[in-house]
Amino acid sequence: MSPVARRLVVRGTVQGVGFRWSTRSRALQLGLVGYAANLADGRVHVVAEGPRTDLDQLLAYLRGPDTPGRVDTVVERFESARGELTGFVER
């Protein structure tokens, strides 16, 4: 299965609560590459690449009850994977 990319913008109480760390941890468990970065307006931007089924699992985790903080909305966009990312980091 070809890797795809998913760009997510997460809104809610997602800064200062371990959200990026938990996102990174779950993404690494799934074998995804990418990053989670705080935005100046309090949202978190997540870019992840990998098989679509694994990306779906990451999205379900982010929308689920086990993430730190509180997620109000997740806006997502699919793209072609660029293959430029390695590992999964917090920015």
C-alpha atoms as a PDB file:
ATOM      1  CA  MET A   1       0.000   0.000   0.000  1.00  0.00           C
ATOM      2  CA  SER A   2       1.430   3.400  -0.974  1.00  0.00           C
ATOM      3  CA  PRO A   3       2.001   5.865   1.820  1.00  0.00           C
ATOM      4  CA  VAL A   4      -0.172   8.946   1.950  1.00  0.00           C
ATOM      5  CA  ALA A   5       0.097  12.121   3.987  1.00  0.00           C
ATOM      6  CA  ARG A   6      -2.468  13.591   6.292  1.00  0.00           C
ATOM      7  CA  ARG A   7      -2.293  17.154   7.573  1.00  0.00           C
ATOM      8  CA  LEU A   8      -4.328  17.801  10.700  1.00  0.00           C
ATOM      9  CA  VAL A   9      -5.091  20.963  12.602  1.00  0.00           C
ATOM     10  CA  VAL A  10      -6.312  20.175  16.112  1.00  0.00           C
ATOM     11  CA  ARG A  11      -8.245  22.721  18.162  1.00  0.00           C
ATOM     12  CA  GLY A  12      -9.110  22.570  21.842  1.00  0.00           C
ATOM     13  CA  THR A  13      -7.005  22.438  24.987  1.00  0.00           C
ATOM     14  CA  VAL A  14      -4.029  20.858  23.242  1.00  0.00           C
ATOM     15  CA  GLN A  15      -1.011  22.918  24.331  1.00  0.00           C
ATOM     16  CA  GLY A  16       0.796  22.472  27.625  1.00  0.00           C
ATOM     17  CA  VAL A  17      -0.911  19.144  28.351  1.00  0.00           C
ATOM     18  CA  GLY A  18       1.401  16.580  26.682  1.00  0.00           C
ATOM     19  CA  PHE A  19      -0.640  16.427  23.483  1.00  0.00           C
ATOM     20  CA  ARG A  20       2.316  16.592  21.064  1.00  0.00           C
ATOM     21  CA  TRP A  21       4.228  14.006  23.092  1.00  0.00           C
ATOM     22  CA  SER A  22       1.293  11.572  23.105  1.00  0.00           C
ATOM     23  CA  THR A  23       0.708  12.167  19.384  1.00  0.00           C
ATOM     24  CA  ARG A  24       4.371  11.387  18.706  1.00  0.00           C
ATOM     25  CA  SER A  25       4.232   8.266  20.870  1.00  0.00           C
ATOM     26  CA  ARG A  26       1.140   6.895  19.111  1.00  0.00           C
ATOM     27  CA  ALA A  27       2.489   7.768  15.654  1.00  0.00           C
ATOM     28  CA  LEU A  28       5.756   5.939  16.382  1.00  0.00           C
ATOM     29  CA  GLN A  29       3.805   2.882  17.580  1.00  0.00           C
ATOM     30  CA  LEU A  30       2.002   2.916  14.233  1.00  0.00           C
ATOM     31  CA  GLY A  31       5.246   3.349  12.262  1.00  0.00           C
ATOM     32  CA  LEU A  32       4.284   6.766  10.908  1.00  0.00           C
ATOM     33  CA  VAL A  33       6.669   9.613  10.126  1.00  0.00           C
ATOM     34  CA  GLY A  34       6.022  13.320  10.559  1.00  0.00           C
ATOM     35  CA  TYR A  35       5.677  15.911  13.279  1.00  0.00           C
ATOM     36  CA  ALA A  36       3.373  17.670  15.720  1.00  0.00           C
ATOM     37  CA  ALA A  37       3.887  21.423  16.149  1.00  0.00           C
ATOM     38  CA  ASN A  38       2.253  24.067  18.322  1.00  0.00           C
ATOM     39  CA  LEU A  39       0.685  26.984  16.461  1.00  0.00           C
ATOM     40  CA  ALA A  40       0.689  30.513  17.862  1.00  0.00           C
ATOM     41  CA  ASP A  41      -3.118  30.523  18.201  1.00  0.00           C
ATOM     42  CA  GLY A  42      -3.227  27.508  20.548  1.00  0.00           C
ATOM     43  CA  ARG A  43      -3.881  24.821  17.957  1.00  0.00           C
ATOM     44  CA  VAL A  44      -1.561  21.931  17.066  1.00  0.00           C
ATOM     45  CA  HIS A  45      -0.549  21.114  13.483  1.00  0.00           C
ATOM     46  CA  VAL A  46       0.123  17.419  12.821  1.00  0.00           C
ATOM     47  CA  VAL A  47       1.671  16.083   9.626  1.00  0.00           C
ATOM     48  CA  ALA A  48       1.829  12.307   9.320  1.00  0.00           C
ATOM     49  CA  GLU A  49       2.800  10.000   6.473  1.00  0.00           C
ATOM     50  CA  GLY A  50       2.232   6.275   6.151  1.00  0.00           C
ATOM     51  CA  PRO A  51      -0.393   3.731   5.137  1.00  0.00           C
ATOM     52  CA  ARG A  52      -3.913   5.127   5.197  1.00  0.00           C
ATOM     53  CA  THR A  53      -5.121   2.508   7.688  1.00  0.00           C
ATOM     54  CA  ASP A  54      -2.441   3.599  10.173  1.00  0.00           C
ATOM     55  CA  LEU A  55      -3.287   7.258   9.598  1.00  0.00           C
ATOM     56  CA  ASP A  56      -6.919   6.417  10.329  1.00  0.00           C
ATOM     57  CA  GLN A  57      -5.823   4.850  13.619  1.00  0.00           C
ATOM     58  CA  LEU A  58      -3.861   7.984  14.550  1.00  0.00           C
ATOM     59  CA  LEU A  59      -6.872  10.163  13.774  1.00  0.00           C
ATOM     60  CA  ALA A  60      -9.136   7.930  15.871  1.00  0.00           C
ATOM     61  CA  TYR A  61      -6.666   8.224  18.751  1.00  0.00           C
ATOM     62  CA  LEU A  62      -6.563  12.014  18.475  1.00  0.00           C
ATOM     63  CA  ARG A  63     -10.357  12.214  18.496  1.00  0.00           C
ATOM     64  CA  GLY A  64     -10.697   9.617  21.251  1.00  0.00           C
ATOM     65  CA  PRO A  65     -10.840   9.889  25.049  1.00  0.00           C
ATOM     66  CA  ASP A  66      -7.212   8.877  25.692  1.00  0.00           C
ATOM     67  CA  THR A  67      -5.475  11.995  24.390  1.00  0.00           C
ATOM     68  CA  PRO A  68      -4.285  14.545  26.939  1.00  0.00           C
ATOM     69  CA  GLY A  69      -6.225  17.771  27.120  1.00  0.00           C
ATOM     70  CA  ARG A  70      -9.441  18.234  25.196  1.00  0.00           C
ATOM     71  CA  VAL A  71      -9.887  18.020  21.436  1.00  0.00           C
ATOM     72  CA  ASP A  72     -12.770  20.104  20.120  1.00  0.00           C
ATOM     73  CA  THR A  73     -12.209  19.702  16.379  1.00  0.00           C
ATOM     74  CA  VAL A  74      -9.779  18.138  13.950  1.00  0.00           C
ATOM     75  CA  VAL A  75      -9.598  19.486  10.414  1.00  0.00           C
ATOM     76  CA  GLU A  76      -7.901  17.043   8.065  1.00  0.00           C
ATOM     77  CA  ARG A  77      -6.525  17.106   4.561  1.00  0.00           C
ATOM     78  CA  PHE A  78      -5.030  14.269   2.544  1.00  0.00           C
ATOM     79  CA  GLU A  79      -2.046  14.758   0.268  1.00  0.00           C
ATOM     80  CA  SER A  80       0.441  12.625  -1.599  1.00  0.00           C
ATOM     81  CA  ALA A  81       3.310  11.524   0.610  1.00  0.00           C
ATOM     82  CA  ARG A  82       6.489  13.400  -0.197  1.00  0.00           C
ATOM     83  CA  GLY A  83       8.809  10.865   1.421  1.00  0.00           C
ATOM     84  CA  GLU A  84      10.989  13.622   2.905  1.00  0.00           C
ATOM     85  CA  LEU A  85      10.168  12.958   6.573  1.00  0.00           C
ATOM     86  CA  THR A  86      11.999  10.576   8.903  1.00  0.00           C
ATOM     87  CA  GLY A  87      10.906   9.640  12.391  1.00  0.00           C
ATOM     88  CA  PHE A  88       8.180  11.535  14.203  1.00  0.00           C
ATOM     89  CA  VAL A  89       9.133  14.641  16.155  1.00  0.00           C
ATOM     90  CA  GLU A  90       7.672  17.371  18.299  1.00  0.00           C
ATOM     91  CA  ARG A  91       8.298  20.855  16.973  1.00  0.00           C
END
